[in-house]
Each structure stands twice: as structure tokens, then as C-alpha cells.
C-alpha atoms as a PDB file:
ATOM      1  CA  UNK A   1      12.364  -9.149 -21.854  1.00  0.00           C
ATOM      2  CA  UNK A   2      12.007  -9.020 -18.104  1.00  0.00           C
ATOM      3  CA  UNK A   3      10.737  -6.050 -16.114  1.00  0.00           C
ATOM      4  CA  UNK A   4      10.992  -5.512 -12.364  1.00  0.00           C
ATOM      5  CA  UNK A   5       8.919  -2.684 -10.909  1.00  0.00           C
ATOM      6  CA  UNK A   6       9.658  -1.275  -7.474  1.00  0.00           C
ATOM      7  CA  UNK A   7       9.308   1.810  -5.320  1.00  0.00           C
ATOM      8  CA  UNK A   8       5.657   1.690  -4.380  1.00  0.00           C
ATOM      9  CA  UNK A   9       4.407   2.364  -0.907  1.00  0.00           C
ATOM     10  CA  UNK A  10       2.221   4.512   1.268  1.00  0.00           C
ATOM     11  CA  UNK A  11       2.424   8.266   0.778  1.00  0.00           C
ATOM     12  CA  UNK A  12       0.365  11.176   2.037  1.00  0.00           C
ATOM     13  CA  UNK A  13      -1.599  13.322  -0.362  1.00  0.00           C
ATOM     14  CA  UNK A  14       0.594  16.105  -1.674  1.00  0.00           C
ATOM     15  CA  UNK A  15       3.723  14.031  -1.292  1.00  0.00           C
ATOM     16  CA  UNK A  16       6.071  12.473  -3.813  1.00  0.00           C
ATOM     17  CA  UNK A  17       7.124   9.002  -4.818  1.00  0.00           C
ATOM     18  CA  UNK A  18       9.515   7.591  -7.401  1.00  0.00           C
ATOM     19  CA  UNK A  19       8.894   4.259  -9.069  1.00  0.00           C
ATOM     20  CA  UNK A  20      11.531   2.258 -10.916  1.00  0.00           C
ATOM     21  CA  UNK A  21      11.238  -0.338 -13.651  1.00  0.00           C
ATOM     22  CA  UNK A  22      14.429  -2.285 -14.216  1.00  0.00           C
ATOM     23  CA  UNK A  23      14.596  -3.892 -17.638  1.00  0.00           C
ATOM     24  CA  UNK A  24      16.708  -6.755 -18.946  1.00  0.00           C
ATOM     25  CA  UNK A  25      17.062  -4.887 -22.247  1.00  0.00           C
ATOM     26  CA  UNK A  26      17.787  -1.356 -23.392  1.00  0.00           C
ATOM     27  CA  UNK A  27      15.150   1.168 -22.335  1.00  0.00           C
ATOM     28  CA  UNK A  28      15.981   3.298 -25.369  1.00  0.00           C
ATOM     29  CA  UNK A  29      15.825   0.748 -28.198  1.00  0.00           C
ATOM     30  CA  UNK A  30      12.088   0.450 -27.820  1.00  0.00           C
ATOM     31  CA  UNK A  31       8.860   1.233 -29.563  1.00  0.00           C
ATOM     32  CA  UNK A  32       7.350   2.412 -26.271  1.00  0.00           C
ATOM     33  CA  UNK A  33       7.727   1.981 -22.545  1.00  0.00           C
ATOM     34  CA  UNK A  34       5.284   3.232 -20.027  1.00  0.00           C
ATOM     35  CA  UNK A  35       3.457   3.089 -16.749  1.00  0.00           C
ATOM     36  CA  UNK A  36      -0.099   1.927 -16.287  1.00  0.00           C
ATOM     37  CA  UNK A  37      -2.151   1.683 -13.125  1.00  0.00           C
ATOM     38  CA  UNK A  38      -5.133  -0.257 -11.954  1.00  0.00           C
ATOM     39  CA  UNK A  39      -7.314   0.937  -9.113  1.00  0.00           C
ATOM     40  CA  UNK A  40      -9.559  -1.495  -7.236  1.00  0.00           C
ATOM     41  CA  UNK A  41     -12.606  -2.351  -9.317  1.00  0.00           C
ATOM     42  CA  UNK A  42     -11.349  -0.414 -12.335  1.00  0.00           C
ATOM     43  CA  UNK A  43      -9.650  -1.258 -15.589  1.00  0.00           C
ATOM     44  CA  UNK A  44      -5.956  -0.792 -16.100  1.00  0.00           C
ATOM     45  CA  UNK A  45      -5.275   2.643 -17.561  1.00  0.00           C
ATOM     46  CA  UNK A  46      -2.367   4.464 -19.126  1.00  0.00           C
ATOM     47  CA  UNK A  47      -0.523   6.842 -16.819  1.00  0.00           C
ATOM     48  CA  UNK A  48       2.387   7.921 -18.968  1.00  0.00           C
ATOM     49  CA  UNK A  49       4.467   6.459 -21.769  1.00  0.00           C
ATOM     50  CA  UNK A  50       7.532   7.349 -23.811  1.00  0.00           C
ATOM     51  CA  UNK A  51       8.622   6.339 -27.281  1.00  0.00           C
ATOM     52  CA  UNK A  52      12.134   5.373 -28.246  1.00  0.00           C
ATOM     53  CA  UNK A  53      12.639   8.844 -29.709  1.00  0.00           C
ATOM     54  CA  UNK A  54      11.501  10.470 -26.478  1.00  0.00           C
ATOM     55  CA  UNK A  55       7.938  11.519 -27.261  1.00  0.00           C
ATOM     56  CA  UNK A  56       5.879  11.483 -24.065  1.00  0.00           C
ATOM     57  CA  UNK A  57       2.154  10.844 -23.804  1.00  0.00           C
ATOM     58  CA  UNK A  58       0.359  11.060 -20.471  1.00  0.00           C
ATOM     59  CA  UNK A  59      -3.100  10.958 -19.006  1.00  0.00           C
ATOM     60  CA  UNK A  60      -4.668  14.363 -18.438  1.00  0.00           C
ATOM     61  CA  UNK A  61      -5.033  13.577 -14.740  1.00  0.00           C
ATOM     62  CA  UNK A  62      -1.272  13.407 -14.217  1.00  0.00           C
ATOM     63  CA  UNK A  63      -0.057  16.170 -16.526  1.00  0.00           C
ATOM     64  CA  UNK A  64       2.166  18.568 -14.656  1.00  0.00           C
ATOM     65  CA  UNK A  65       2.518  16.170 -11.708  1.00  0.00           C
ATOM     66  CA  UNK A  66       4.115  12.984 -13.047  1.00  0.00           C
ATOM     67  CA  UNK A  67       7.234  12.624 -15.173  1.00  0.00           C
ATOM     68  CA  UNK A  68       8.849   9.699 -16.943  1.00  0.00           C
ATOM     69  CA  UNK A  69      12.579   9.300 -17.417  1.00  0.00           C
ATOM     70  CA  UNK A  70      15.126   6.667 -18.400  1.00  0.00           C
ATOM     71  CA  UNK A  71      18.658   5.694 -17.432  1.00  0.00           C
ATOM     72  CA  UNK A  72      20.548   4.249 -20.383  1.00  0.00           C
ATOM     73  CA  UNK A  73      23.364   2.843 -18.262  1.00  0.00           C
ATOM     74  CA  UNK A  74      21.238   1.040 -15.696  1.00  0.00           C
ATOM     75  CA  UNK A  75      18.383   0.253 -18.130  1.00  0.00           C
ATOM     76  CA  UNK A  76      15.830   1.615 -15.723  1.00  0.00           C
ATOM     77  CA  UNK A  77      12.687   3.588 -16.452  1.00  0.00           C
ATOM     78  CA  UNK A  78      11.414   5.870 -13.717  1.00  0.00           C
ATOM     79  CA  UNK A  79       8.111   7.439 -12.808  1.00  0.00           C
ATOM     80  CA  UNK A  80       8.391  10.528 -10.652  1.00  0.00           C
ATOM     81  CA  UNK A  81       5.096  11.239  -8.936  1.00  0.00           C
ATOM     82  CA  UNK A  82       4.629  14.674  -7.382  1.00  0.00           C
ATOM     83  CA  UNK A  83       1.616  16.217  -5.670  1.00  0.00           C
ATOM     84  CA  UNK A  84      -0.009  12.808  -5.403  1.00  0.00           C
ATOM     85  CA  UNK A  85      -3.727  12.531  -4.792  1.00  0.00           C
ATOM     86  CA  UNK A  86      -5.849   9.731  -3.287  1.00  0.00           C
ATOM     87  CA  UNK A  87      -7.092   9.076  -6.845  1.00  0.00           C
ATOM     88  CA  UNK A  88      -3.545   8.024  -7.768  1.00  0.00           C
ATOM     89  CA  UNK A  89      -3.900   4.937  -5.581  1.00  0.00           C
ATOM     90  CA  UNK A  90      -3.532   1.661  -7.425  1.00  0.00           C
ATOM     91  CA  UNK A  91      -1.154  -1.004  -8.628  1.00  0.00           C
ATOM     92  CA  UNK A  92       1.368   0.491 -11.028  1.00  0.00           C
ATOM     93  CA  UNK A  93       2.678  -1.648 -13.861  1.00  0.00           C
ATOM     94  CA  UNK A  94       5.476  -0.929 -16.274  1.00  0.00           C
ATOM     95  CA  UNK A  95       5.171  -2.022 -19.859  1.00  0.00           C
ATOM     96  CA  UNK A  96       7.697  -2.559 -22.630  1.00  0.00           C
ATOM     97  CA  UNK A  97       6.811  -2.763 -26.322  1.00  0.00           C
ATOM     98  CA  UNK A  98       9.619  -3.758 -28.616  1.00  0.00           C
ATOM     99  CA  UNK A  99      10.016  -3.244 -32.340  1.00  0.00           C
ATOM    100  CA  UNK A 100       8.952  -6.862 -32.759  1.00  0.00           C
ATOM    101  CA  UNK A 101       5.547  -5.764 -31.349  1.00  0.00           C
ATOM    102  CA  UNK A 102       5.968  -8.038 -28.354  1.00  0.00           C
ATOM    103  CA  UNK A 103       4.542  -6.475 -25.183  1.00  0.00           C
ATOM    104  CA  UNK A 104       5.893  -7.329 -21.752  1.00  0.00           C
ATOM    105  CA  UNK A 105       4.446  -6.302 -18.387  1.00  0.00           C
ATOM    106  CA  UNK A 106       6.194  -5.977 -15.061  1.00  0.00           C
ATOM    107  CA  UNK A 107       4.705  -7.496 -11.932  1.00  0.00           C
ATOM    108  CA  UNK A 108       3.228  -4.296 -10.493  1.00  0.00           C
ATOM    109  CA  UNK A 109       3.951  -2.224  -7.424  1.00  0.00           C
ATOM    110  CA  UNK A 110       1.282  -0.916  -5.049  1.00  0.00           C
ATOM    111  CA  UNK A 111       0.903   2.818  -4.498  1.00  0.00           C
ATOM    112  CA  UNK A 112      -1.436   3.992  -1.763  1.00  0.00           C
ATOM    113  CA  UNK A 113      -2.109   7.672  -1.235  1.00  0.00           C
ATOM    114  CA  UNK A 114      -3.688   8.617   2.071  1.00  0.00           C
ATOM    115  CA  UNK A 115      -5.813  11.731   2.435  1.00  0.00           C
END
């Protein structure tokens, strides 16, 4: 499995950003796929994840602001970020967990939210 994350950048607080994670395999035949982020000096944390059946789990801090979606034709997972806050700044990583319990991480894309 190979994952390629993209779409990061600099955005003002209150703005929106859409991240993409292109996968070399189906984004539906999965155990889970998700987005994690790591802020400077902090541990990597879950942002939002989705199971193969479509169940979504997200951090309380992003509920109502961030959404995860998938494109079955392009094999891309998206993270739509709305109403971003400076606290959303960090490197965003996509993660794939297959039914073989193998976990793969993408290379990360930087998101910086200015106040």
C-alpha cells in the first residue's frame, strides 16, 4: 500500500482547506482509513477516521467542522476542513489499515492556520 497526502498549505482562521490522500489500493476495502495530525512538540493524534462500512469517528475538537469522504473511482480519501482554527496547525498524515492488520502511513502534509 502506498499513500500520497497533499493539499496542505497556509490558511487564515475561519477558512477552509481540503486535503487528499491518494491510495494505491481501494479506499473502501479497508478496516479503517483516517487522518492524524502532529503539532510541534506534541504527539500525533487522531483527527478523523472511517471504517470500511462507513462508520466515522472524530476528535471532539473537529466535530462539526471537519468531514471525511472517499472517492471509489480515484481511490482518494479526503479531509474537508472548515472553520479552521490556529489549533488545527500541524502536519497531517493519512493512515490505511487493511484487513491483514498492516498499517501504512502517508508522508504528511503541512497545514498552517494563521490567526
